[in-house]
C-alpha atoms as a PDB file:
ATOM      1  CA  MET A   1     125.365  79.717 151.652  1.00  0.00           C
ATOM      2  CA  SER A   2     128.454  80.916 152.292  1.00  0.00           C
ATOM      3  CA  LEU A   3     129.674  79.719 155.908  1.00  0.00           C
ATOM      4  CA  ASN A   4     128.894  83.351 157.369  1.00  0.00           C
ATOM      5  CA  GLU A   5     125.093  83.600 156.170  1.00  0.00           C
ATOM      6  CA  ALA A   6     124.783  80.045 157.572  1.00  0.00           C
ATOM      7  CA  LYS A   7     126.289  81.898 161.034  1.00  0.00           C
ATOM      8  CA  MET A   8     124.169  84.906 160.117  1.00  0.00           C
ATOM      9  CA  ASP A   9     121.164  82.466 159.786  1.00  0.00           C
ATOM     10  CA  GLN A  10     121.748  80.454 162.782  1.00  0.00           C
ATOM     11  CA  ARG A  11     121.764  83.179 165.076  1.00  0.00           C
ATOM     12  CA  LEU A  12     118.785  85.642 163.521  1.00  0.00           C
ATOM     13  CA  GLY A  13     116.165  82.208 163.376  1.00  0.00           C
ATOM     14  CA  SER A  14     116.020  79.581 160.938  1.00  0.00           C
ATOM     15  CA  ALA A  15     112.902  78.794 157.648  1.00  0.00           C
ATOM     16  CA  LEU A  16     110.321  79.179 160.113  1.00  0.00           C
ATOM     17  CA  GLY A  17     110.964  82.829 160.926  1.00  0.00           C
ATOM     18  CA  LEU A  18     113.362  84.819 162.626  1.00  0.00           C
ATOM     19  CA  LYS A  19     113.524  85.260 166.925  1.00  0.00           C
ATOM     20  CA  ARG A  20     111.003  86.624 168.749  1.00  0.00           C
ATOM     21  CA  SER A  21     113.849  88.059 170.629  1.00  0.00           C
ATOM     22  CA  ILE A  22     115.326  90.440 167.483  1.00  0.00           C
ATOM     23  CA  THR A  23     111.737  91.336 166.413  1.00  0.00           C
ATOM     24  CA  LEU A  24     111.429  95.068 165.157  1.00  0.00           C
ATOM     25  CA  SER A  25     107.380  96.134 167.257  1.00  0.00           C
ATOM     26  CA  ASP A  26     105.534  97.677 164.611  1.00  0.00           C
ATOM     27  CA  ALA A  27     106.249 100.731 166.924  1.00  0.00           C
ATOM     28  CA  ALA A  28     109.955 100.415 166.191  1.00  0.00           C
ATOM     29  CA  LEU A  29     109.042 100.050 162.516  1.00  0.00           C
ATOM     30  CA  SER A  30     106.840 102.581 161.423  1.00  0.00           C
ATOM     31  CA  PRO A  31     108.924 105.549 161.097  1.00  0.00           C
ATOM     32  CA  VAL A  32     110.209 103.345 158.205  1.00  0.00           C
ATOM     33  CA  ALA A  33     109.042 105.164 155.060  1.00  0.00           C
ATOM     34  CA  ALA A  34     110.949 103.117 152.585  1.00  0.00           C
ATOM     35  CA  LYS A  35     109.012 102.268 149.518  1.00  0.00           C
ATOM     36  CA  THR A  36     108.781  98.399 147.338  1.00  0.00           C
ATOM     37  CA  LEU A  37     108.451  98.088 143.719  1.00  0.00           C
ATOM     38  CA  LEU A  38     107.733  94.456 142.449  1.00  0.00           C
ATOM     39  CA  ILE A  39     108.581  93.926 138.821  1.00  0.00           C
ATOM     40  CA  TRP A  40     107.345  90.818 137.164  1.00  0.00           C
ATOM     41  CA  ARG A  41     105.973  90.338 133.722  1.00  0.00           C
ATOM     42  CA  GLU A  42     101.744  90.366 133.777  1.00  0.00           C
ATOM     43  CA  GLU A  43     100.227  87.057 132.304  1.00  0.00           C
ATOM     44  CA  ASP A  44     103.248  84.881 133.428  1.00  0.00           C
ATOM     45  CA  PRO A  45     101.773  81.275 133.537  1.00  0.00           C
ATOM     46  CA  PHE A  46     103.601  80.326 136.390  1.00  0.00           C
ATOM     47  CA  VAL A  47     102.865  82.793 138.758  1.00  0.00           C
ATOM     48  CA  GLU A  48     100.852  83.995 141.191  1.00  0.00           C
ATOM     49  CA  LEU A  49     100.600  86.836 143.433  1.00  0.00           C
ATOM     50  CA  LYS A  50      99.020  87.385 146.987  1.00  0.00           C
ATOM     51  CA  SER A  51      98.844  89.713 148.758  1.00  0.00           C
ATOM     52  CA  LEU A  52      98.027  89.974 153.008  1.00  0.00           C
ATOM     53  CA  GLN A  53      96.728  94.219 153.975  1.00  0.00           C
ATOM     54  CA  ARG A  54      98.199  93.502 157.383  1.00  0.00           C
ATOM     55  CA  SER A  55     100.714  91.364 157.318  1.00  0.00           C
ATOM     56  CA  GLY A  56     104.502  92.379 157.827  1.00  0.00           C
ATOM     57  CA  HIS A  57     108.155  90.941 155.743  1.00  0.00           C
ATOM     58  CA  LEU A  58     107.171  87.508 157.798  1.00  0.00           C
ATOM     59  CA  PRO A  59     103.545  86.787 156.395  1.00  0.00           C
ATOM     60  CA  TRP A  60     103.674  83.240 157.460  1.00  0.00           C
ATOM     61  CA  LEU A  61     103.918  84.506 161.417  1.00  0.00           C
ATOM     62  CA  ASP A  62     101.384  87.702 161.036  1.00  0.00           C
ATOM     63  CA  GLU A  63      99.081  85.827 158.823  1.00  0.00           C
ATOM     64  CA  PRO A  64      99.461  82.037 159.678  1.00  0.00           C
ATOM     65  CA  VAL A  65      95.923  81.186 158.895  1.00  0.00           C
ATOM     66  CA  GLU A  66      95.612  82.953 155.699  1.00  0.00           C
ATOM     67  CA  VAL A  67      99.153  82.506 154.480  1.00  0.00           C
ATOM     68  CA  ALA A  68      98.174  78.215 155.423  1.00  0.00           C
ATOM     69  CA  SER A  69      94.480  78.885 153.536  1.00  0.00           C
ATOM     70  CA  MET A  70      96.338  80.080 150.134  1.00  0.00           C
ATOM     71  CA  ILE A  71      99.201  77.787 149.847  1.00  0.00           C
ATOM     72  CA  ALA A  72      96.358  74.968 150.620  1.00  0.00           C
ATOM     73  CA  ASP A  73      94.348  76.329 148.137  1.00  0.00           C
ATOM     74  CA  PHE A  74      97.086  76.957 145.432  1.00  0.00           C
ATOM     75  CA  LEU A  75      98.188  72.879 145.680  1.00  0.00           C
ATOM     76  CA  SER A  76      94.492  72.078 145.000  1.00  0.00           C
ATOM     77  CA  GLU A  77      94.675  74.414 142.387  1.00  0.00           C
ATOM     78  CA  CYS A  78      97.970  72.319 141.087  1.00  0.00           C
ATOM     79  CA  ARG A  79      96.715  69.131 142.037  1.00  0.00           C
ATOM     80  CA  GLU A  80      92.846  69.411 139.868  1.00  0.00           C
ATOM     81  CA  GLU A  81      95.506  70.891 137.018  1.00  0.00           C
ATOM     82  CA  ALA A  82      98.122  68.445 137.308  1.00  0.00           C
ATOM     83  CA  THR A  83      94.824  65.402 136.928  1.00  0.00           C
ATOM     84  CA  PRO A  84      93.612  63.909 133.570  1.00  0.00           C
ATOM     85  CA  LYS A  85      89.838  64.362 132.387  1.00  0.00           C
ATOM     86  CA  ALA A  86      88.306  61.773 131.846  1.00  0.00           C
ATOM     87  CA  GLY A  87      88.906  60.830 127.873  1.00  0.00           C
ATOM     88  CA  THR A  88      91.558  63.242 127.766  1.00  0.00           C
ATOM     89  CA  VAL A  89      95.602  61.736 127.209  1.00  0.00           C
ATOM     90  CA  PRO A  90      98.153  63.189 130.090  1.00  0.00           C
ATOM     91  CA  ARG A  91     100.656  66.123 127.987  1.00  0.00           C
ATOM     92  CA  VAL A  92     104.056  64.794 127.985  1.00  0.00           C
ATOM     93  CA  ARG A  93     106.732  67.724 129.178  1.00  0.00           C
END
């Protein structure tokens, strides 16, 4: 990260999101009709795509309960996959 990016980040917010004083309302953003294209390989074993219907660009602020639930479920699944089953030999990579 460059020095300019670090200064900009401090003015705009933190890893927790943008400062509320500069957050634009839905009414201010509704006229913006920019589409987003996301391209990713199907069947990537290391990617799981989740979407939120009512969220804006900061889903962890817009829908914190749903995001926290998705993260908890994902981590739980990772933990289950990493736990060796009885009678099996753990695979070393």
